[in-house]
Amino acid sequence: MAAIDSSISIEDPQGQLLFGVNCETHTAVFPLILESQTVGWLKGSAQAAPLAPLLICILKQETQKKLLAQELLERYQEIDLFEDLSTQITTSLNLTDIAQLAIAELETLIPATSGAIFIVNPQTQTLDTLAQFGQAYAAQDYLHRHQELVQQVTQMQQGSIINDVPKTWQCSSCSCAFQSLIYVPLKAKKRTIGLIAIGNETPSPYNTEHLKLLSIFAGQIAIAIEKALLYQTSQTVARQAQAQAQELQQALQELKQTQAKLVQSEKMSSLGHTIAGVAHEINNPIGFVSGNLTLLQDYSRDLCGLLALYEQYYPDAHPVILDRAEEIDLEFLQSDLGELVQSMNEGIKRIKEIVLSLRNFSRIDHHQAEAVDLHQGIDSTLMILRHRLKIGDQRPAIEVLKDYGELPLVSCYAGQLNQVFMNILSNAIDALDQHATQPQIRIQTRLLDSEQVAITIADNGSGMPPELIDQIYEPFFTTKSVGKGTGLGMAISQQVVAETHGGHLDCTSQLGVGTEFCITLPICLSAVSDRPTDLRPALLYPTA
């Protein structure tokens, strides 16, 4: 360059010196034009003219190198972006997380004022928004407003660029004013599952490079969304299967419980009928015996009186009579006969009480709710269990302490409540069988208010640990040894008190101190809605 003209200089379009020295002797100025644009000036003599095309060629090559370097850098950045995005979205199976990650990257990938990821909802046939940036626009703001949206998306085969968006797409009431749009369908296994759309409200048109970039981006997102949808579906199916299994298990358990309760109820019902029948059969001859004992008492008194008259008026009896009187100890016979008849009357009275207790306990002839004296039911139950309260092999007799309050007649199914008393008292006796010193059962009744009464039955037995208290009402749960309990007694008691009578059955227990059951009942059963009235007779003996 110096060989041609040592006094040349190169200036930028504004006249700033870039190369050479300013010289007032420059006689020629040559413009450096690149792509129809003056990028500088070459100054020198006329001999410098051939340098102008050479400089333009060099500038063109450098410019292309710079553009290629910039493009290569952008491609590397895009590759890094896609690799990072691919790593993040493929490690997640949460649809929302995938969409949020994707929309955050999309916002930096292509210039836009707004963008969104939509997914087709097959149930509602709508486009649901997964994530978006910029202004919150609906799907119809990105698509042709006068065509069905889901149909547009599902029929979309490839992405589209729309520069200079037609005003007919916009509605007069919406605030969006896109000038350029680009959208690409999300395809998974040849099925369109959604849409990625971006829009620009500034006059910056999109080109095919933008479309290509967004298409690659959409392909990765579609795969990740499809995986997330499949995972969601599998989770839903798994939950449904688990729920169905639990329902079946619960139904099976309820069926087993119902079957066991029905079998137990039928067995105890049959036993109740049998006991009631036996009580009736006993009651008939006892009536005859009781009536005849009254006559026997009168006859014996008359005979003893007649003998006394004979002794008074005929003191010198025949020796044979005297010998016979001495042989049978006539004096003792006369004195003991009255006591014997009295003892028989007491026995008959005791049998009548037992028969009455059996009938009161079973209530075999009462299938409807009736107003009854709860104390009578408790006493009948204690009468039946009297033999178990006596001295046992390992303990003294059980002392029963009664603290009865003034209770009104309570509307209830007496036979079933008697079964509850029987179950609780029997369990208390079982607990006291291992309690050798001063075993006691305390029974207290009280009026809580104008609508409720409470019956408390407590023992000073061995008690229960806290973790067992919540289990005692579960069917088939028992703390007794095999063959001594069915595990249904407290479950049935809970059902009778809570479901049939609308009351509460609460238990408190402490190891080494004892156990207490509190039965709370409404005085008027009519206050309890939808209670069964056609019930089986009460169970006659404890079931747990």
Protein backbone atom coordinates (compact mmCIF):
# COMPACT_ATOMS: atom_id res chain seq x y z
CA MET A 1 0.00 0.00 0.00
CA ALA A 2 2.91 2.28 0.82
CA ALA A 3 4.53 1.34 -2.46
CA ILE A 4 1.62 2.70 -4.38
CA ASP A 5 1.22 5.86 -2.41
CA SER A 6 2.86 6.51 0.93
CA SER A 7 0.56 9.40 1.73
CA ILE A 8 -2.85 7.66 1.64
CA SER A 9 -5.28 7.67 4.58
CA ILE A 10 -8.51 5.84 5.46
CA GLU A 11 -11.35 7.56 7.32
CA ASP A 12 -14.72 6.41 8.68
CA PRO A 13 -17.97 7.83 7.25
CA GLN A 14 -17.80 10.69 9.76
CA GLY A 15 -14.26 11.68 8.65
CA GLN A 16 -12.38 10.27 11.63
CA LEU A 17 -8.89 9.03 10.69
CA LEU A 18 -8.55 5.24 10.85
CA PHE A 19 -5.26 4.69 9.00
CA GLY A 20 -2.39 6.88 7.67
CA VAL A 21 -1.87 10.57 8.29
CA ASN A 22 -3.84 13.65 7.44
CA CYS A 23 -2.24 15.36 4.49
CA GLU A 24 -3.36 18.51 2.78
CA THR A 25 -1.78 17.26 -0.50
CA HIS A 26 -4.44 14.49 -1.01
CA THR A 27 -5.86 15.11 -4.45
CA ALA A 28 -8.34 12.21 -4.69
CA VAL A 29 -11.08 10.77 -2.43
CA PHE A 30 -12.54 7.31 -3.09
CA PRO A 31 -15.69 6.08 -1.28
CA LEU A 32 -15.63 2.59 0.27
CA ILE A 33 -19.09 1.16 -0.41
CA LEU A 34 -20.24 -2.16 1.11
CA GLU A 35 -23.75 -3.47 0.37
CA SER A 36 -24.88 -0.07 -0.96
CA GLN A 37 -23.69 1.67 2.15
CA THR A 38 -20.66 3.97 2.48
CA VAL A 39 -18.51 2.52 5.22
CA GLY A 40 -15.46 4.81 4.83
CA TRP A 41 -13.23 6.99 2.64
CA LEU A 42 -9.89 6.36 0.93
CA LYS A 43 -7.84 9.54 0.41
CA GLY A 44 -4.65 9.94 -1.58
CA SER A 45 -3.45 10.58 -5.07
CA ALA A 46 -4.99 9.22 -8.28
CA GLN A 47 -2.60 6.26 -8.04
CA ALA A 48 -4.58 5.03 -4.94
CA ALA A 49 -7.68 4.26 -7.02
CA PRO A 50 -6.94 0.47 -7.38
CA LEU A 51 -6.78 0.19 -3.60
CA ALA A 52 -10.47 1.01 -3.13
CA PRO A 53 -11.84 -2.31 -4.56
CA LEU A 54 -9.21 -4.26 -2.62
CA LEU A 55 -10.14 -2.58 0.65
CA ILE A 56 -13.85 -3.19 -0.05
CA CYS A 57 -13.13 -6.90 -0.64
CA ILE A 58 -11.15 -7.13 2.61
CA LEU A 59 -13.93 -5.35 4.52
CA LYS A 60 -16.51 -7.69 3.03
CA GLN A 61 -14.53 -10.77 4.08
CA GLU A 62 -14.00 -9.45 7.61
CA THR A 63 -17.65 -8.58 7.92
CA GLN A 64 -18.67 -12.07 6.81
CA LYS A 65 -16.20 -13.62 9.27
CA LYS A 66 -17.65 -11.51 12.04
CA LEU A 67 -21.22 -12.48 11.12
CA LEU A 68 -20.27 -16.15 10.90
CA ALA A 69 -18.55 -15.97 14.27
CA GLN A 70 -21.58 -14.31 15.78
CA GLU A 71 -23.92 -16.88 14.23
CA LEU A 72 -21.68 -19.73 15.40
CA LEU A 73 -21.67 -18.27 18.90
CA GLU A 74 -25.46 -18.03 18.87
CA ARG A 75 -25.74 -21.63 17.66
CA TYR A 76 -23.47 -22.81 20.46
CA GLN A 77 -25.56 -20.84 22.93
CA GLU A 78 -28.72 -22.40 21.52
CA ILE A 79 -27.19 -25.89 21.78
CA ASP A 80 -26.19 -25.23 25.40
CA LEU A 81 -29.67 -23.89 26.05
CA PHE A 82 -31.36 -26.94 24.56
CA GLU A 83 -29.04 -29.33 26.38
CA ASP A 84 -29.70 -27.60 29.69
CA LEU A 85 -33.43 -27.48 29.04
CA SER A 86 -33.49 -31.12 27.95
CA THR A 87 -31.66 -32.18 31.11
CA GLN A 88 -34.07 -30.25 33.35
CA ILE A 89 -37.34 -31.26 31.75
CA THR A 90 -36.45 -34.92 31.24
CA THR A 91 -35.63 -35.33 34.92
CA SER A 92 -39.05 -34.02 35.96
CA LEU A 93 -42.40 -35.74 35.64
CA ASN A 94 -44.41 -32.84 37.00
CA LEU A 95 -46.38 -31.18 34.22
CA THR A 96 -46.43 -27.76 35.89
CA ASP A 97 -42.68 -27.80 36.59
CA ILE A 98 -41.90 -28.76 32.99
CA ALA A 99 -44.09 -25.97 31.63
CA GLN A 100 -42.57 -23.36 33.97
CA LEU A 101 -39.02 -24.37 33.03
CA ALA A 102 -39.88 -24.30 29.34
CA ILE A 103 -41.61 -20.92 29.42
CA ALA A 104 -38.67 -19.38 31.32
CA GLU A 105 -36.25 -20.56 28.61
CA LEU A 106 -38.63 -19.58 25.80
CA GLU A 107 -38.74 -16.02 27.09
CA THR A 108 -34.98 -15.67 26.51
CA LEU A 109 -34.82 -17.73 23.30
CA ILE A 110 -36.91 -15.67 20.87
CA PRO A 111 -37.84 -11.98 21.21
CA ALA A 112 -41.50 -11.62 22.13
CA THR A 113 -43.72 -9.53 24.37
CA SER A 114 -45.96 -12.47 25.32
CA GLY A 115 -45.94 -16.24 25.02
CA ALA A 116 -47.72 -19.30 26.35
CA ILE A 117 -47.82 -23.09 26.34
CA PHE A 118 -51.30 -24.58 25.90
CA ILE A 119 -52.42 -28.20 26.18
CA VAL A 120 -55.56 -29.86 24.80
CA ASN A 121 -57.93 -31.02 27.55
CA PRO A 122 -59.67 -34.11 26.08
CA GLN A 123 -62.40 -34.08 28.75
CA THR A 124 -63.56 -30.50 28.24
CA GLN A 125 -62.30 -30.07 24.66
CA THR A 126 -60.61 -26.81 25.58
CA LEU A 127 -57.11 -25.41 25.51
CA ASP A 128 -55.72 -25.15 29.04
CA THR A 129 -52.85 -22.78 29.80
CA LEU A 130 -49.86 -24.56 31.33
CA ALA A 131 -47.51 -21.55 31.59
CA GLN A 132 -47.04 -18.10 30.08
CA PHE A 133 -44.93 -14.97 30.19
CA GLY A 134 -45.69 -11.35 29.48
CA GLN A 135 -49.32 -10.34 29.25
CA ALA A 136 -51.75 -13.10 30.28
CA TYR A 137 -53.60 -13.81 27.05
CA ALA A 138 -55.99 -16.65 26.33
CA ALA A 139 -55.54 -19.20 23.56
CA GLN A 140 -57.99 -17.41 21.27
CA ASP A 141 -55.77 -14.32 21.33
CA TYR A 142 -53.03 -16.26 19.52
CA LEU A 143 -55.24 -18.13 17.03
CA HIS A 144 -57.84 -17.35 14.41
CA ARG A 145 -60.78 -16.13 16.49
CA HIS A 146 -63.44 -17.23 14.01
CA GLN A 147 -62.40 -20.89 13.94
CA GLU A 148 -62.87 -23.58 16.58
CA LEU A 149 -59.69 -23.45 18.71
CA VAL A 150 -59.17 -27.14 19.56
CA GLN A 151 -59.88 -28.11 15.98
CA GLN A 152 -57.30 -25.59 14.78
CA VAL A 153 -54.66 -27.06 17.08
CA THR A 154 -55.39 -30.75 16.49
CA GLN A 155 -55.37 -30.25 12.73
CA MET A 156 -52.16 -28.22 12.82
CA GLN A 157 -49.38 -30.11 11.01
CA GLN A 158 -46.54 -27.61 11.35
CA GLY A 159 -45.70 -24.22 12.77
CA SER A 160 -46.63 -20.91 11.19
CA ILE A 161 -45.38 -17.35 11.11
CA ILE A 162 -47.86 -14.51 10.77
CA ASN A 163 -46.36 -11.06 10.36
CA ASP A 164 -48.78 -8.16 10.08
CA VAL A 165 -51.56 -9.97 11.98
CA PRO A 166 -54.95 -9.27 10.34
CA LYS A 167 -57.19 -7.02 12.39
CA THR A 168 -60.02 -9.47 11.78
CA TRP A 169 -58.30 -11.82 14.24
CA GLN A 170 -58.64 -9.32 17.06
CA CYS A 171 -61.84 -8.68 18.97
CA SER A 172 -62.93 -5.18 19.76
CA SER A 173 -63.05 -5.89 23.50
CA CYS A 174 -59.60 -7.51 23.93
CA SER A 175 -56.47 -5.53 24.73
CA CYS A 176 -54.00 -7.58 22.68
CA ALA A 177 -52.57 -5.97 19.57
CA PHE A 178 -50.10 -8.48 18.18
CA GLN A 179 -48.29 -7.41 15.06
CA SER A 180 -46.38 -10.66 14.67
CA LEU A 181 -47.23 -14.20 15.75
CA ILE A 182 -45.48 -17.53 15.62
CA TYR A 183 -46.91 -20.81 16.88
CA VAL A 184 -45.86 -24.44 16.71
CA PRO A 185 -47.93 -27.52 17.58
CA LEU A 186 -46.77 -29.88 20.34
CA LYS A 187 -46.73 -33.32 18.74
CA ALA A 188 -46.23 -36.64 20.52
CA LYS A 189 -46.45 -39.91 18.59
CA LYS A 190 -48.06 -38.15 15.60
CA ARG A 191 -50.73 -36.72 17.88
CA THR A 192 -51.08 -33.02 18.60
CA ILE A 193 -51.35 -32.52 22.35
CA GLY A 194 -50.92 -28.76 22.58
CA LEU A 195 -49.45 -25.56 21.24
CA ILE A 196 -46.59 -23.13 21.85
CA ALA A 197 -47.36 -19.58 20.76
CA ILE A 198 -45.47 -16.30 21.04
CA GLY A 199 -46.46 -12.84 19.92
CA ASN A 200 -44.87 -9.46 19.49
CA GLU A 201 -46.73 -6.22 19.88
CA THR A 202 -43.80 -4.28 18.38
CA PRO A 203 -43.04 -4.17 14.64
CA SER A 204 -40.40 -6.93 14.74
CA PRO A 205 -41.30 -9.61 12.19
CA TYR A 206 -40.33 -13.24 12.72
CA ASN A 207 -38.34 -15.30 10.20
CA THR A 208 -37.82 -18.94 9.36
CA GLU A 209 -34.90 -19.18 11.81
CA HIS A 210 -37.26 -18.27 14.61
CA LEU A 211 -39.73 -20.89 13.40
CA LYS A 212 -37.03 -23.54 13.13
CA LEU A 213 -35.76 -22.75 16.61
CA LEU A 214 -39.23 -22.83 18.11
CA SER A 215 -40.00 -26.12 16.33
CA ILE A 216 -36.93 -27.79 17.86
CA PHE A 217 -37.89 -26.35 21.22
CA ALA A 218 -41.47 -27.60 20.82
CA GLY A 219 -40.29 -31.13 19.98
CA GLN A 220 -38.39 -31.43 23.25
CA ILE A 221 -41.23 -29.95 25.28
CA ALA A 222 -43.78 -32.25 23.63
CA ILE A 223 -41.77 -35.35 24.61
CA ALA A 224 -41.45 -34.16 28.21
CA ILE A 225 -45.15 -33.25 28.43
CA GLU A 226 -46.16 -36.61 26.97
CA LYS A 227 -44.04 -38.39 29.58
CA ALA A 228 -45.58 -36.28 32.33
CA LEU A 229 -49.10 -36.97 31.05
CA LEU A 230 -48.39 -40.69 30.91
CA TYR A 231 -47.02 -40.53 34.44
CA GLN A 232 -50.11 -38.64 35.61
CA THR A 233 -52.33 -41.20 33.93
CA SER A 234 -50.44 -44.08 35.52
CA GLN A 235 -50.64 -42.38 38.91
CA THR A 236 -54.37 -41.81 38.48
CA VAL A 237 -54.91 -45.42 37.44
CA ALA A 238 -52.78 -46.59 40.36
CA ARG A 239 -54.75 -44.44 42.81
CA GLN A 240 -58.03 -45.68 41.37
CA ALA A 241 -56.84 -49.28 41.59
CA GLN A 242 -55.68 -48.71 45.16
CA ALA A 243 -58.96 -47.05 46.06
CA GLN A 244 -60.90 -49.92 44.50
CA ALA A 245 -58.73 -52.43 46.35
CA GLN A 246 -59.36 -50.58 49.61
CA GLU A 247 -63.08 -50.46 48.89
CA LEU A 248 -63.11 -54.17 48.13
CA GLN A 249 -61.09 -54.88 51.26
CA GLN A 250 -63.43 -52.74 53.32
CA ALA A 251 -66.48 -54.37 51.73
CA LEU A 252 -65.01 -57.81 52.43
CA GLN A 253 -64.26 -56.84 56.02
CA GLU A 254 -67.76 -55.43 56.47
CA LEU A 255 -69.21 -58.58 54.92
CA LYS A 256 -67.22 -60.75 57.32
CA GLN A 257 -68.30 -58.59 60.25
CA THR A 258 -71.93 -58.64 59.18
CA GLN A 259 -71.81 -62.38 58.62
CA ALA A 260 -70.24 -62.97 62.01
CA LYS A 261 -72.75 -60.68 63.71
CA LEU A 262 -75.64 -62.36 61.93
CA VAL A 263 -74.40 -65.81 62.91
CA GLN A 264 -73.90 -64.65 66.49
CA SER A 265 -77.25 -62.90 66.50
CA GLU A 266 -79.03 -65.96 65.10
CA LYS A 267 -77.29 -68.19 67.63
CA MET A 268 -78.11 -65.94 70.54
CA SER A 269 -81.62 -65.34 69.22
CA SER A 270 -82.20 -69.06 69.14
CA LEU A 271 -80.75 -69.35 72.62
CA GLY A 272 -82.98 -66.50 73.74
CA HIS A 273 -86.07 -68.27 72.44
CA THR A 274 -84.94 -71.47 74.12
CA ILE A 275 -84.29 -69.79 77.47
CA ALA A 276 -87.56 -67.90 77.26
CA GLY A 277 -89.34 -71.15 76.47
CA VAL A 278 -87.64 -72.93 79.34
CA ALA A 279 -88.52 -70.06 81.65
CA HIS A 280 -92.13 -70.33 80.54
CA GLU A 281 -92.16 -74.08 81.06
CA ILE A 282 -90.64 -73.64 84.51
CA ASN A 283 -93.11 -70.91 85.35
CA ASN A 284 -96.17 -73.16 84.79
CA PRO A 285 -95.30 -75.97 87.26
CA ILE A 286 -93.89 -73.40 89.69
CA GLY A 287 -97.33 -71.83 89.70
CA PHE A 288 -98.87 -75.17 90.64
CA VAL A 289 -96.25 -75.82 93.32
CA SER A 290 -96.64 -72.31 94.72
CA GLY A 291 -100.41 -72.66 94.92
CA ASN A 292 -100.21 -76.09 96.51
CA LEU A 293 -97.64 -74.90 99.04
CA THR A 294 -100.18 -72.41 100.33
CA LEU A 295 -102.66 -75.25 100.82
CA LEU A 296 -99.94 -77.44 102.34
CA GLN A 297 -99.14 -74.72 104.82
CA ASP A 298 -102.82 -74.50 105.83
CA TYR A 299 -103.20 -78.29 106.02
CA SER A 300 -100.07 -78.73 108.11
CA ARG A 301 -101.21 -76.01 110.49
CA ASP A 302 -104.63 -77.70 110.85
CA LEU A 303 -103.08 -81.12 111.43
CA CYS A 304 -100.66 -79.80 114.02
CA GLY A 305 -103.58 -78.10 115.75
CA LEU A 306 -105.59 -81.33 115.73
CA LEU A 307 -102.65 -83.28 117.25
CA ALA A 308 -102.39 -80.68 119.95
CA LEU A 309 -106.06 -81.19 120.81
CA TYR A 310 -105.55 -84.97 120.96
CA GLU A 311 -102.63 -84.53 123.34
CA GLN A 312 -104.70 -82.17 125.46
CA TYR A 313 -107.80 -84.30 125.81
CA TYR A 314 -106.22 -87.77 125.51
CA PRO A 315 -102.92 -87.49 127.35
CA ASP A 316 -102.79 -91.25 128.03
CA ALA A 317 -102.41 -92.58 124.55
CA HIS A 318 -101.99 -96.18 123.59
CA PRO A 319 -98.37 -97.44 123.96
CA VAL A 320 -98.15 -98.21 120.23
CA ILE A 321 -99.02 -94.58 119.46
CA LEU A 322 -96.50 -93.32 121.96
CA ASP A 323 -93.78 -95.55 120.56
CA ARG A 324 -94.52 -94.39 117.02
CA ALA A 325 -94.52 -90.70 118.13
CA GLU A 326 -91.14 -91.19 119.76
CA GLU A 327 -89.82 -93.04 116.71
CA ILE A 328 -90.68 -90.20 114.29
CA ASP A 329 -89.81 -87.48 116.82
CA LEU A 330 -93.29 -86.00 116.58
CA GLU A 331 -92.40 -82.92 118.60
CA PHE A 332 -89.53 -81.96 116.22
CA LEU A 333 -91.65 -82.83 113.18
CA GLN A 334 -94.37 -80.44 114.34
CA SER A 335 -91.93 -77.61 114.97
CA ASP A 336 -89.93 -78.17 111.76
CA LEU A 337 -92.89 -78.63 109.40
CA GLY A 338 -93.77 -74.93 109.40
CA GLU A 339 -90.14 -73.94 108.79
CA LEU A 340 -89.92 -76.51 105.98
CA VAL A 341 -92.96 -75.09 104.22
CA GLN A 342 -91.59 -71.56 104.72
CA SER A 343 -88.26 -72.62 103.22
CA MET A 344 -90.05 -74.10 100.22
CA ASN A 345 -91.92 -70.83 99.77
CA GLU A 346 -88.61 -68.95 99.79
CA GLY A 347 -87.24 -71.35 97.16
CA ILE A 348 -90.30 -70.89 94.98
CA LYS A 349 -89.97 -67.13 95.36
CA ARG A 350 -86.29 -67.35 94.31
CA ILE A 351 -87.19 -69.43 91.24
CA LYS A 352 -89.84 -66.89 90.29
CA GLU A 353 -87.29 -64.09 90.59
CA ILE A 354 -84.86 -65.95 88.35
CA VAL A 355 -87.56 -66.66 85.76
CA LEU A 356 -88.64 -63.02 85.86
CA SER A 357 -85.04 -61.91 85.45
CA LEU A 358 -84.63 -64.20 82.44
CA ARG A 359 -87.77 -62.83 80.86
CA ASN A 360 -86.83 -59.22 81.63
CA PHE A 361 -83.33 -59.76 80.33
CA SER A 362 -84.24 -61.46 77.07
CA ARG A 363 -87.32 -59.31 76.35
CA ILE A 364 -88.25 -62.00 73.88
CA ASP A 365 -91.73 -60.62 73.45
CA HIS A 366 -90.68 -56.97 72.93
CA HIS A 367 -89.45 -56.02 69.46
CA GLN A 368 -90.35 -52.35 69.68
CA ALA A 369 -88.83 -49.56 71.72
CA GLU A 370 -90.56 -49.03 75.05
CA ALA A 371 -90.13 -46.97 78.20
CA VAL A 372 -88.39 -49.15 80.78
CA ASP A 373 -86.67 -48.94 84.14
CA LEU A 374 -82.93 -49.32 83.45
CA HIS A 375 -82.31 -50.34 87.03
CA GLN A 376 -84.51 -53.36 86.51
CA GLY A 377 -82.44 -54.38 83.51
CA ILE A 378 -79.17 -53.99 85.45
CA ASP A 379 -80.54 -55.99 88.39
CA SER A 380 -81.77 -58.74 86.06
CA THR A 381 -78.34 -58.97 84.51
CA LEU A 382 -76.70 -59.16 87.95
CA MET A 383 -79.17 -61.88 88.91
CA ILE A 384 -78.12 -63.99 85.92
CA LEU A 385 -74.43 -63.38 86.67
CA ARG A 386 -74.86 -64.01 90.40
CA HIS A 387 -73.09 -67.36 90.25
CA ARG A 388 -70.01 -65.70 88.74
CA LEU A 389 -69.88 -63.10 91.52
CA LYS A 390 -69.36 -65.76 94.18
CA ILE A 391 -65.99 -66.85 95.53
CA GLY A 392 -63.72 -68.06 92.71
CA ASP A 393 -60.69 -70.33 92.58
CA GLN A 394 -58.26 -67.43 92.74
CA ARG A 395 -60.26 -64.60 94.30
CA PRO A 396 -62.82 -63.81 96.99
CA ALA A 397 -66.43 -62.95 96.15
CA ILE A 398 -66.90 -59.84 94.02
CA GLU A 399 -68.56 -56.97 95.84
CA VAL A 400 -71.11 -55.06 93.77
CA LEU A 401 -71.60 -51.45 94.86
CA LYS A 402 -74.73 -49.79 93.51
CA ASP A 403 -75.25 -46.05 93.43
CA TYR A 404 -78.58 -45.65 91.65
CA GLY A 405 -79.83 -42.17 90.95
CA GLU A 406 -83.41 -41.07 90.33
CA LEU A 407 -83.93 -41.98 86.67
CA PRO A 408 -87.06 -41.58 84.60
CA LEU A 409 -88.28 -44.38 82.38
CA VAL A 410 -86.04 -44.50 79.32
CA SER A 411 -87.36 -45.24 75.83
CA CYS A 412 -85.12 -47.97 74.43
CA TYR A 413 -84.78 -51.54 73.17
CA ALA A 414 -84.42 -53.06 76.62
CA GLY A 415 -83.27 -56.51 75.51
CA GLN A 416 -80.38 -55.06 73.53
CA LEU A 417 -79.33 -52.73 76.34
CA ASN A 418 -79.40 -55.67 78.74
CA GLN A 419 -76.98 -57.41 76.39
CA VAL A 420 -74.69 -54.37 76.65
CA PHE A 421 -74.86 -54.56 80.46
CA MET A 422 -74.13 -58.28 80.24
CA ASN A 423 -71.07 -57.77 77.99
CA ILE A 424 -69.55 -55.04 80.15
CA LEU A 425 -70.23 -56.82 83.47
CA SER A 426 -68.91 -60.13 82.13
CA ASN A 427 -65.71 -58.44 80.96
CA ALA A 428 -65.36 -56.83 84.39
CA ILE A 429 -65.74 -60.21 86.09
CA ASP A 430 -63.15 -61.72 83.72
CA ALA A 431 -60.73 -58.92 84.65
CA LEU A 432 -61.39 -59.43 88.38
CA ASP A 433 -60.81 -63.19 88.17
CA GLN A 434 -57.09 -62.35 88.22
CA HIS A 435 -57.53 -59.77 90.99
CA ALA A 436 -57.25 -61.61 94.29
CA THR A 437 -57.83 -58.83 96.87
CA GLN A 438 -61.09 -56.96 97.42
CA PRO A 439 -62.54 -57.23 93.89
CA GLN A 440 -65.28 -54.68 93.30
CA ILE A 441 -67.71 -53.62 90.60
CA ARG A 442 -69.23 -50.16 90.97
CA ILE A 443 -72.46 -49.31 89.16
CA GLN A 444 -73.66 -45.73 89.13
CA THR A 445 -76.63 -44.19 87.33
CA ARG A 446 -77.42 -40.50 87.11
CA LEU A 447 -79.58 -38.02 85.26
CA LEU A 448 -77.33 -35.76 83.18
CA ASP A 449 -80.01 -33.33 82.06
CA SER A 450 -83.60 -33.33 80.87
CA GLU A 451 -82.65 -35.37 77.80
CA GLN A 452 -79.88 -37.80 78.81
CA VAL A 453 -78.99 -40.40 81.41
CA ALA A 454 -75.64 -42.03 82.15
CA ILE A 455 -74.77 -45.51 83.42
CA THR A 456 -71.22 -46.04 84.66
CA ILE A 457 -69.82 -49.54 85.27
CA ALA A 458 -66.32 -49.68 86.74
CA ASP A 459 -64.06 -52.39 88.15
CA ASN A 460 -60.80 -52.36 90.06
CA GLY A 461 -59.23 -55.04 87.89
CA SER A 462 -55.96 -55.09 86.01
CA GLY A 463 -56.90 -52.35 83.50
CA MET A 464 -55.74 -51.93 79.90
CA PRO A 465 -52.85 -50.07 78.21
CA PRO A 466 -53.91 -46.93 76.25
CA GLU A 467 -53.13 -48.46 72.84
CA LEU A 468 -55.78 -51.18 73.37
CA ILE A 469 -58.66 -48.84 74.28
CA ASP A 470 -59.25 -47.72 70.68
CA GLN A 471 -59.21 -51.33 69.48
CA ILE A 472 -61.78 -52.86 71.83
CA TYR A 473 -64.67 -51.77 69.58
CA GLU A 474 -63.15 -53.40 66.50
CA PRO A 475 -64.90 -56.62 65.46
CA PHE A 476 -62.97 -59.81 66.32
CA PHE A 477 -60.53 -57.98 68.59
CA THR A 478 -60.24 -59.63 71.99
CA THR A 479 -57.71 -59.68 74.81
CA LYS A 480 -58.94 -63.07 76.01
CA SER A 481 -57.30 -66.39 75.29
CA VAL A 482 -58.39 -68.57 72.38
CA GLY A 483 -61.82 -70.07 72.93
CA LYS A 484 -62.86 -67.57 75.63
CA GLY A 485 -63.97 -64.65 73.48
CA THR A 486 -65.29 -63.99 69.98
CA GLY A 487 -64.23 -60.34 69.84
CA LEU A 488 -67.79 -59.27 68.98
CA GLY A 489 -69.17 -58.26 72.38
CA MET A 490 -67.90 -54.68 72.56
CA ALA A 491 -68.37 -54.17 68.81
CA ILE A 492 -72.04 -55.14 69.18
CA SER A 493 -72.33 -53.03 72.35
CA GLN A 494 -70.96 -50.00 70.52
CA GLN A 495 -73.41 -50.59 67.67
CA VAL A 496 -76.37 -50.95 70.05
CA VAL A 497 -75.53 -47.83 72.07
CA ALA A 498 -74.36 -45.52 69.26
CA GLU A 499 -76.26 -46.60 66.15
CA THR A 500 -79.47 -48.04 67.57
CA HIS A 501 -79.96 -45.65 70.47
CA GLY A 502 -77.96 -42.59 69.38
CA GLY A 503 -75.89 -42.61 72.56
CA HIS A 504 -72.21 -42.86 73.47
CA LEU A 505 -70.12 -45.69 74.87
CA ASP A 506 -66.86 -44.39 76.34
CA CYS A 507 -64.05 -46.31 77.99
CA THR A 508 -61.28 -45.16 80.31
CA SER A 509 -58.71 -47.54 81.73
CA GLN A 510 -55.45 -47.48 83.65
CA LEU A 511 -53.08 -50.37 84.16
CA GLY A 512 -53.20 -51.64 87.71
CA VAL A 513 -56.18 -49.42 88.60
CA GLY A 514 -59.14 -50.70 86.59
CA THR A 515 -61.51 -49.99 83.73
CA GLU A 516 -64.62 -47.82 83.53
CA PHE A 517 -67.34 -47.79 80.87
CA CYS A 518 -69.79 -44.90 80.64
CA ILE A 519 -73.02 -45.39 78.68
CA THR A 520 -74.83 -42.16 77.76
CA LEU A 521 -78.38 -42.58 76.42
CA PRO A 522 -81.15 -40.23 75.31
CA ILE A 523 -84.23 -40.49 77.47
CA CYS A 524 -86.54 -40.34 74.47
CA LEU A 525 -85.57 -42.59 71.57
CA SER A 526 -87.93 -40.71 69.22
CA ALA A 527 -85.35 -37.91 69.20
CA VAL A 528 -83.05 -40.27 67.34
CA SER A 529 -84.09 -40.29 63.68
CA ASP A 530 -84.16 -43.30 61.40
CA ARG A 531 -83.49 -45.92 64.08
CA PRO A 532 -84.49 -49.53 63.29
CA THR A 533 -87.57 -50.80 65.07
CA ASP A 534 -87.67 -54.39 63.83
CA LEU A 535 -84.75 -55.75 65.80
CA ARG A 536 -83.77 -59.23 66.81
CA PRO A 537 -84.06 -60.29 70.47
CA ALA A 538 -81.11 -59.42 72.62
CA LEU A 539 -78.19 -61.79 73.00
CA LEU A 540 -78.49 -63.63 76.28
CA TYR A 541 -74.86 -64.23 77.13
CA PRO A 542 -71.66 -62.22 76.72
CA THR A 543 -69.91 -62.48 73.38
CA ALA A 544 -66.57 -60.94 74.28
